[in-house]
Amino acid sequence: MNTTEEQTKFLRIYLEDHVAGATAGSQRAARLADAEADSTDAGALATFAADVTSDLDALLALIETIGVEPSRLKAGLASVGEKLGALKPNGRLSDRSPLSTIVELEAMQMAVRGKRSLWETLQVAVPVPTPIDLDGLIARADDQLDVLSRLHAGRVARTFSPQPS
């Protein structure tokens, strides 16, 4: 069994890692919304990006409440990694490939699943009552997954379904 000191250390590391991931995820969601601003999915992606930013703000408020300082190094490295990940080729040199949106939607689905698990973990791990509505954040993550799944299915159909001749 872990000591209270170990649990506090583990919680700090866990939260630092999730803040770093949430920082990168927020940047990726905003970049995706900007890239798709002229598409039929623009409204849903803009709402999603705003929600992701709100989720990051909630996480930052929670860690401040319990006295954990985010790691600037981890957040900075995650941010750089996110920017580097956007440079990958997807079959086109001069304009955005439909594959870019599909892969980014898949990455966002994975990130939201991780974020949902974070909120569930914090229901157990946070030692004090907080003003953060973890049940509401779990429900919002479920809503985000529904939206992302719908957008992903639509993009896959438009990109890979045979076109009528």
Protein backbone atom coordinates (compact mmCIF):
# COMPACT_ATOMS: atom_id res chain seq x y z
CA MET A 1 0.00 0.00 0.00
CA ASN A 2 1.22 3.50 -0.81
CA THR A 3 1.87 6.05 1.88
CA THR A 4 0.07 9.38 1.89
CA GLU A 5 3.33 11.02 0.81
CA GLU A 6 3.60 8.65 -2.17
CA GLN A 7 -0.05 9.19 -3.09
CA THR A 8 0.48 12.96 -3.06
CA LYS A 9 3.55 12.57 -5.27
CA PHE A 10 1.70 10.28 -7.68
CA LEU A 11 -1.27 12.66 -7.86
CA ARG A 12 1.05 15.61 -8.60
CA ILE A 13 2.80 13.73 -11.42
CA TYR A 14 -0.52 12.48 -12.78
CA LEU A 15 -1.98 15.98 -12.85
CA GLU A 16 1.17 17.50 -14.38
CA ASP A 17 0.98 14.92 -17.17
CA HIS A 18 -2.71 15.57 -17.80
CA VAL A 19 -2.21 19.34 -17.83
CA ALA A 20 0.52 18.86 -20.44
CA GLY A 21 -1.74 16.64 -22.54
CA ALA A 22 -4.71 18.97 -22.13
CA THR A 23 -2.58 21.93 -23.20
CA ALA A 24 -1.55 20.14 -26.39
CA GLY A 25 -5.11 18.88 -26.93
CA SER A 26 -6.52 22.38 -26.59
CA GLN A 27 -4.07 23.66 -29.17
CA ARG A 28 -4.86 20.79 -31.54
CA ALA A 29 -8.62 21.29 -31.17
CA ALA A 30 -8.26 25.02 -31.93
CA ARG A 31 -6.04 24.29 -34.95
CA LEU A 32 -8.55 21.73 -36.25
CA ALA A 33 -11.44 24.18 -35.83
CA ASP A 34 -9.47 26.88 -37.66
CA ALA A 35 -8.50 24.53 -40.49
CA GLU A 36 -12.14 23.48 -40.95
CA ALA A 37 -13.68 26.95 -40.51
CA ASP A 38 -15.16 26.85 -44.03
CA SER A 39 -16.50 23.30 -43.79
CA THR A 40 -19.95 22.02 -42.91
CA ASP A 41 -18.45 20.86 -39.59
CA ALA A 42 -17.19 24.31 -38.63
CA GLY A 43 -19.79 25.01 -35.94
CA ALA A 44 -19.40 21.66 -34.21
CA LEU A 45 -15.60 21.90 -34.28
CA ALA A 46 -15.60 25.47 -32.95
CA THR A 47 -17.88 24.43 -30.09
CA PHE A 48 -15.69 21.41 -29.41
CA ALA A 49 -12.53 23.56 -29.33
CA ALA A 50 -14.17 26.00 -26.91
CA ASP A 51 -15.27 23.12 -24.68
CA VAL A 52 -11.75 21.67 -24.67
CA THR A 53 -10.38 25.04 -23.57
CA SER A 54 -13.01 25.16 -20.80
CA ASP A 55 -12.02 21.65 -19.72
CA LEU A 56 -8.36 22.74 -19.49
CA ASP A 57 -9.44 25.76 -17.42
CA ALA A 58 -11.41 23.45 -15.10
CA LEU A 59 -8.37 21.20 -14.68
CA LEU A 60 -6.14 24.18 -13.92
CA ALA A 61 -8.67 25.48 -11.38
CA LEU A 62 -8.84 22.07 -9.74
CA ILE A 63 -5.09 21.68 -9.40
CA GLU A 64 -4.83 25.19 -8.00
CA THR A 65 -7.49 24.28 -5.42
CA ILE A 66 -5.49 21.28 -4.24
CA GLY A 67 -2.13 23.08 -4.43
CA VAL A 68 -0.45 21.39 -7.39
CA GLU A 69 1.71 23.53 -9.66
CA PRO A 70 1.60 22.56 -13.36
CA SER A 71 4.94 21.61 -14.90
CA ARG A 72 5.92 24.26 -17.43
CA LEU A 73 8.49 21.86 -18.88
CA LYS A 74 5.96 19.07 -19.50
CA ALA A 75 3.37 21.48 -20.91
CA GLY A 76 6.00 23.09 -23.14
CA LEU A 77 7.23 19.75 -24.46
CA ALA A 78 3.66 18.60 -25.13
CA SER A 79 2.96 21.85 -26.99
CA VAL A 80 6.07 21.42 -29.16
CA GLY A 81 5.16 17.79 -29.82
CA GLU A 82 1.65 18.81 -30.90
CA LYS A 83 3.06 21.36 -33.34
CA LEU A 84 5.52 18.83 -34.75
CA GLY A 85 2.72 16.30 -35.16
CA ALA A 86 0.86 18.76 -37.38
CA LEU A 87 3.75 18.72 -39.88
CA LYS A 88 3.22 15.14 -41.05
CA PRO A 89 2.48 14.65 -44.75
CA ASN A 90 -0.96 13.27 -45.66
CA GLY A 91 -0.82 12.86 -49.39
CA ARG A 92 -0.92 16.52 -50.47
CA LEU A 93 1.77 19.16 -50.50
CA SER A 94 -0.01 22.46 -51.07
CA ASP A 95 -3.45 22.10 -49.49
CA ARG A 96 -5.06 20.26 -46.59
CA SER A 97 -5.67 16.57 -47.14
CA PRO A 98 -8.96 15.00 -46.06
CA LEU A 99 -6.77 12.49 -44.21
CA SER A 100 -5.53 15.27 -41.95
CA THR A 101 -9.02 15.86 -40.60
CA ILE A 102 -9.72 12.15 -40.18
CA VAL A 103 -6.48 11.56 -38.26
CA GLU A 104 -6.99 14.68 -36.13
CA LEU A 105 -10.55 13.62 -35.27
CA GLU A 106 -9.20 10.21 -34.24
CA ALA A 107 -6.51 11.86 -32.11
CA MET A 108 -9.16 14.03 -30.47
CA GLN A 109 -11.28 10.95 -29.73
CA MET A 110 -8.32 9.32 -27.98
CA ALA A 111 -7.62 12.51 -26.05
CA VAL A 112 -11.22 12.87 -24.91
CA ARG A 113 -11.29 9.24 -23.77
CA GLY A 114 -8.18 9.97 -21.70
CA LYS A 115 -9.74 13.15 -20.35
CA ARG A 116 -12.89 11.27 -19.36
CA SER A 117 -10.73 8.77 -17.46
CA LEU A 118 -8.96 11.69 -15.77
CA TRP A 119 -12.24 13.05 -14.41
CA GLU A 120 -13.21 9.58 -13.17
CA THR A 121 -9.82 9.14 -11.49
CA LEU A 122 -10.10 12.52 -9.82
CA GLN A 123 -13.43 11.52 -8.28
CA VAL A 124 -11.39 9.02 -6.25
CA ALA A 125 -7.96 10.65 -6.02
CA VAL A 126 -8.68 14.26 -5.03
CA PRO A 127 -8.55 14.37 -1.25
CA VAL A 128 -10.71 17.48 -0.72
CA PRO A 129 -14.06 18.72 -2.00
CA THR A 130 -13.60 20.99 -5.00
CA PRO A 131 -15.81 23.49 -6.79
CA ILE A 132 -15.26 21.53 -10.01
CA ASP A 133 -18.26 19.49 -11.22
CA LEU A 134 -16.53 16.25 -12.16
CA ASP A 135 -19.82 14.53 -13.03
CA GLY A 136 -20.61 17.39 -15.42
CA LEU A 137 -17.15 17.12 -16.98
CA ILE A 138 -17.64 13.37 -17.50
CA ALA A 139 -20.99 14.05 -19.18
CA ARG A 140 -19.40 16.71 -21.39
CA ALA A 141 -16.65 14.27 -22.38
CA ASP A 142 -19.36 11.77 -23.38
CA ASP A 143 -21.06 14.48 -25.46
CA GLN A 144 -17.73 15.36 -27.07
CA LEU A 145 -17.13 11.71 -27.97
CA ASP A 146 -20.56 11.54 -29.60
CA VAL A 147 -19.84 14.67 -31.67
CA LEU A 148 -16.38 13.48 -32.67
CA SER A 149 -17.70 10.03 -33.63
CA ARG A 150 -20.38 11.60 -35.83
CA LEU A 151 -17.90 13.99 -37.48
CA HIS A 152 -15.40 11.17 -38.00
CA ALA A 153 -17.98 8.88 -39.60
CA GLY A 154 -19.03 11.66 -41.96
CA ARG A 155 -15.46 12.43 -42.98
CA VAL A 156 -14.62 8.77 -43.50
CA ALA A 157 -17.71 8.34 -45.68
CA ARG A 158 -16.90 11.42 -47.77
CA THR A 159 -13.26 10.46 -48.16
CA PHE A 160 -13.44 6.71 -48.75
CA SER A 161 -16.91 5.85 -50.02
CA PRO A 162 -17.10 5.19 -53.76
CA GLN A 163 -18.30 8.21 -55.68
CA PRO A 164 -21.16 7.69 -58.19
CA SER A 165 -19.96 7.81 -61.79
